[in-house]
Amino acid sequence: MRCPNRNNSSATDQGRDGRPTRLIVFSGLPGVGKSSIARELAYKINATYLRIDSIEQALRDSGALVQPMNEAGYGVAYALAEENLRLGRTVVADCVNPISITRNAWREVAARTEARILEIEVRCSDGAEHRRRVESRTVDVPGLVVPTWEEVLAREYHPWDRERLQVDSAVETPEQIVRMIRQMLNL
């Protein structure tokens, strides 16, 4: 597990309760456990939870958007995150966040709102366990079609070019990871 330097903070990044406003962005391939961790963290710290899978499925269900999804779901998430950060809410974003463009866009949201940002990459170092999770996954978003193992392997996912918190869900449980993040952020 590697911890990044705390960055992007200022004296004005305070929520209405006087606590720092934070944008916590979870990234990683499908099936690594990011939703379990992100959801639990959001619950424990009473943060706004934004899940790209839910947003994209709602867009599909509305009929207003036809495939391909491209960046539509991320665009909605950025706007919702920005609004909630401006209200002084901590935001937890749950997304694959596979390329520099999406990663930089989250940083831009944090910069515009003067929020602190913590980027977290979740990985599963045990390939057999990762595959088992992908192949045995239950759908918790009605209508969502989850990717196959082959689709996960073929997914575009660029290496990171900056510091971020790296956690390994094959080594630590979601509860342990959430506890570590909370301790790191004093939450």
Foldseek 3Di string as FASTA:
>chain_A
DDADDFDLADPPQAAPVRHGAEEEEEAEFPQLCQVVLLVVLCVVVVAAEAELLQQQVVVVVVVPDDPDCPCVSLVVVLVVCLVCSLNRGHYYYYYNQADPVSVVSNVVSCNVSSGTYAYEYEGAPDPVSSQVRQVPPDDPRPPGDGDHPVCRVVDRHDDDDGDHHYDHCNVDPSVVVSVVVCVVSVD
